[in-house]
Amino acid sequence: MMLEVTTTYLEMLSPEAFKPKASPVKDACVRKIEIPTPTLNHYFFVHVGRPWKWYSRLSWSLADWKEWAEKETMDTWMGQIKGSPFGYIEIERQGDDAELSFLGLLPQFLGKGLGGFFLSEAIRIAWELKPKRVWVHTCTLDHPFALNNYIARGFSIYKKEIAQEQVPDDDDPIWCTPAYHQSLMNS
């Protein structure tokens, strides 16, 4: 289906602009995935992104996921509560910038107040990389509170784009990620 999608680009130019939010859950933590695991990045992209129609990587093969997860300038972080995963963060270093490439919560953890805390952890981690700028983009297909959460944490909007995008219907076979599964069968 064709949808009009507004993409908003946000940046934070200094750590002083950062307005962190504490965790509402006592045992929540964020840990770096020390050994790049392409299947984990794939899992999170599909299951975190499905409610928001994240489709940009659904055609990726296992080799594509491996290249991304093992990229020297990219790190993956996982949110956990009592050892159970609740979300993930991908941060890519781009010269003097750090991009929050993808981040989000698994569906069963939405609405529990974890979004502000999880974004705060992503920003804290990004600033530890000593960039000149931390940036992120969101769009009208993302969680309805995503943009406000970014602004509340200290990001400023620097660009907006509106485009017509071909978004797969809910019953489109691409949601089963056939390219990825086929590459698993052939490996």
Protein backbone atom coordinates (compact mmCIF):
# COMPACT_ATOMS: atom_id res chain seq x y z
CA MET A 1 0.00 0.00 0.00
CA MET A 2 1.18 3.54 -0.69
CA LEU A 3 1.42 5.71 2.41
CA GLU A 4 2.58 9.25 2.98
CA VAL A 5 5.42 8.98 5.49
CA THR A 6 7.01 11.92 7.27
CA THR A 7 10.58 11.24 8.40
CA THR A 8 11.95 13.54 11.09
CA TYR A 9 15.70 13.84 11.65
CA LEU A 10 16.88 14.89 15.11
CA GLU A 11 20.26 15.69 16.60
CA MET A 12 21.88 16.40 19.93
CA LEU A 13 25.00 18.55 19.68
CA SER A 14 26.31 18.25 23.23
CA PRO A 15 25.92 15.95 26.23
CA GLU A 16 24.66 18.96 28.20
CA ALA A 17 21.43 18.90 26.15
CA PHE A 18 20.69 15.35 27.33
CA LYS A 19 17.72 14.97 29.71
CA PRO A 20 17.82 11.38 30.99
CA LYS A 21 14.89 9.44 32.36
CA ALA A 22 15.31 6.82 35.08
CA SER A 23 14.02 3.30 34.76
CA PRO A 24 10.55 2.64 36.17
CA VAL A 25 11.63 -0.98 36.75
CA LYS A 26 14.19 -1.87 39.42
CA ASP A 27 15.96 -4.66 37.56
CA ALA A 28 16.20 -3.09 34.08
CA CYS A 29 19.67 -2.89 32.53
CA VAL A 30 21.28 -2.49 29.12
CA ARG A 31 24.15 -4.74 28.06
CA LYS A 32 26.37 -4.67 24.99
CA ILE A 33 26.25 -7.71 22.72
CA GLU A 34 29.98 -8.43 22.86
CA ILE A 35 29.97 -11.13 20.18
CA PRO A 36 28.17 -9.86 17.05
CA THR A 37 25.19 -12.14 16.42
CA PRO A 38 23.40 -11.49 13.10
CA THR A 39 20.45 -13.70 14.01
CA LEU A 40 19.87 -11.61 17.14
CA ASN A 41 19.85 -8.34 15.17
CA HIS A 42 17.45 -9.95 12.68
CA TYR A 43 15.19 -11.21 15.48
CA PHE A 44 14.97 -7.80 17.14
CA PHE A 45 14.44 -5.92 13.87
CA VAL A 46 11.54 -8.20 12.94
CA HIS A 47 9.89 -8.45 16.36
CA VAL A 48 10.46 -4.90 17.60
CA GLY A 49 9.70 -3.39 14.22
CA ARG A 50 6.72 -5.46 13.11
CA PRO A 51 4.06 -3.33 14.86
CA TRP A 52 5.54 -0.20 13.19
CA LYS A 53 5.98 -1.79 9.75
CA TRP A 54 9.77 -1.66 9.73
CA TYR A 55 10.33 -3.27 6.36
CA SER A 56 13.61 -1.75 5.12
CA ARG A 57 15.71 -4.80 6.06
CA LEU A 58 13.22 -7.61 5.54
CA SER A 59 14.81 -8.57 2.23
CA TRP A 60 18.26 -8.90 3.82
CA SER A 61 19.95 -12.29 3.64
CA LEU A 62 21.93 -13.83 6.48
CA ALA A 63 25.08 -12.49 4.76
CA ASP A 64 23.63 -8.96 4.85
CA TRP A 65 22.83 -9.29 8.56
CA LYS A 66 26.29 -10.72 9.23
CA GLU A 67 27.95 -7.80 7.42
CA TRP A 68 25.87 -5.30 9.43
CA ALA A 69 26.25 -6.95 12.86
CA GLU A 70 29.99 -7.47 12.44
CA LYS A 71 30.69 -3.99 11.08
CA GLU A 72 33.49 -2.42 13.15
CA THR A 73 31.60 0.86 13.51
CA MET A 74 28.35 -0.71 14.74
CA ASP A 75 27.40 -2.03 18.17
CA THR A 76 24.25 -3.73 19.39
CA TRP A 77 22.91 -3.40 22.92
CA MET A 78 20.11 -5.38 24.56
CA GLY A 79 17.76 -4.23 27.29
CA GLN A 80 17.03 -6.84 29.94
CA ILE A 81 14.78 -7.22 32.94
CA LYS A 82 15.72 -10.13 35.20
CA GLY A 83 17.71 -11.61 32.32
CA SER A 84 14.83 -11.42 29.82
CA PRO A 85 15.31 -9.25 26.73
CA PHE A 86 12.93 -6.30 26.38
CA GLY A 87 14.49 -4.33 23.50
CA TYR A 88 17.53 -3.50 21.47
CA ILE A 89 19.69 -0.59 20.35
CA GLU A 90 21.96 -0.34 17.32
CA ILE A 91 24.50 2.50 17.40
CA GLU A 92 26.66 3.22 14.38
CA ARG A 93 29.74 5.43 14.59
CA GLN A 94 29.94 7.64 11.47
CA GLY A 95 33.10 9.75 11.58
CA ASP A 96 32.39 12.43 14.19
CA ASP A 97 28.75 11.33 14.57
CA ALA A 98 26.97 8.54 16.41
CA GLU A 99 23.66 7.43 14.92
CA LEU A 100 21.01 5.62 16.91
CA SER A 101 20.28 3.42 13.88
CA PHE A 102 17.45 1.35 15.33
CA LEU A 103 16.08 0.98 18.82
CA GLY A 104 12.86 -0.17 20.31
CA LEU A 105 10.99 -2.42 22.66
CA LEU A 106 9.50 -5.85 22.13
CA PRO A 107 5.68 -5.55 21.97
CA GLN A 108 4.99 -7.10 25.39
CA PHE A 109 7.08 -4.36 27.05
CA LEU A 110 5.29 -1.39 25.44
CA GLY A 111 3.25 0.83 27.75
CA LYS A 112 5.32 0.06 30.84
CA GLY A 113 7.29 3.33 30.90
CA LEU A 114 10.51 1.77 29.60
CA GLY A 115 10.80 3.87 26.41
CA GLY A 116 12.24 7.01 28.02
CA PHE A 117 14.70 5.00 30.10
CA PHE A 118 15.78 2.87 27.13
CA LEU A 119 16.30 5.89 24.91
CA SER A 120 18.24 7.55 27.74
CA GLU A 121 20.55 4.55 27.91
CA ALA A 122 21.07 4.69 24.13
CA ILE A 123 21.98 8.38 24.32
CA ARG A 124 24.30 7.84 27.30
CA ILE A 125 26.10 5.04 25.43
CA ALA A 126 26.34 7.14 22.26
CA TRP A 127 27.91 10.08 24.12
CA GLU A 128 30.47 7.71 25.68
CA LEU A 129 31.80 7.26 22.12
CA LYS A 130 32.85 10.94 22.20
CA PRO A 131 31.07 12.07 19.01
CA LYS A 132 30.46 15.70 18.10
CA ARG A 133 26.82 14.85 17.43
CA VAL A 134 24.31 12.11 18.22
CA TRP A 135 21.51 11.81 15.72
CA VAL A 136 18.46 9.70 14.99
CA HIS A 137 15.53 9.64 12.66
CA THR A 138 11.95 8.58 13.24
CA CYS A 139 8.90 8.52 11.05
CA THR A 140 5.13 8.53 11.21
CA LEU A 141 5.17 4.71 11.07
CA ASP A 142 7.04 4.48 14.40
CA HIS A 143 5.51 4.37 17.87
CA PRO A 144 3.22 7.39 18.27
CA PHE A 145 5.27 8.65 21.27
CA ALA A 146 8.70 8.20 19.61
CA LEU A 147 9.11 11.78 18.37
CA ASN A 148 8.02 13.29 21.69
CA ASN A 149 10.37 10.95 23.56
CA TYR A 150 13.33 12.09 21.44
CA ILE A 151 12.47 15.75 22.03
CA ALA A 152 11.93 15.17 25.78
CA ARG A 153 15.42 13.59 26.03
CA GLY A 154 17.02 16.71 24.47
CA PHE A 155 17.08 16.11 20.71
CA SER A 156 16.27 18.95 18.29
CA ILE A 157 14.68 18.56 14.88
CA TYR A 158 16.96 19.56 12.01
CA LYS A 159 15.14 18.19 8.97
CA LYS A 160 11.82 16.70 7.85
CA GLU A 161 11.03 14.82 4.67
CA ILE A 162 7.66 13.72 3.34
CA ALA A 163 7.52 10.91 0.81
CA GLN A 164 5.12 8.38 -0.62
CA GLU A 165 6.37 4.94 0.39
CA GLN A 166 5.30 1.50 -0.72
CA VAL A 167 4.67 -0.22 2.61
CA PRO A 168 3.91 -3.95 2.58
CA ASP A 169 0.35 -4.91 3.52
CA ASP A 170 -0.10 -6.94 6.71
CA ASP A 171 -0.57 -10.14 4.66
CA ASP A 172 2.45 -9.54 2.39
CA PRO A 173 4.81 -12.57 2.43
CA ILE A 174 7.82 -10.25 3.00
CA TRP A 175 6.86 -10.17 6.71
CA CYS A 176 7.99 -13.79 6.81
CA THR A 177 11.45 -12.53 5.69
CA PRO A 178 11.91 -15.13 2.94
CA ALA A 179 15.37 -13.90 1.84
CA TYR A 180 16.77 -14.34 5.33
CA HIS A 181 15.19 -17.75 5.89
CA GLN A 182 16.29 -18.96 2.44
CA SER A 183 19.88 -17.90 3.15
CA LEU A 184 19.77 -19.82 6.46
CA MET A 185 18.69 -22.97 4.59
CA ASN A 186 21.58 -22.56 2.15
CA SER A 187 24.29 -21.96 4.75
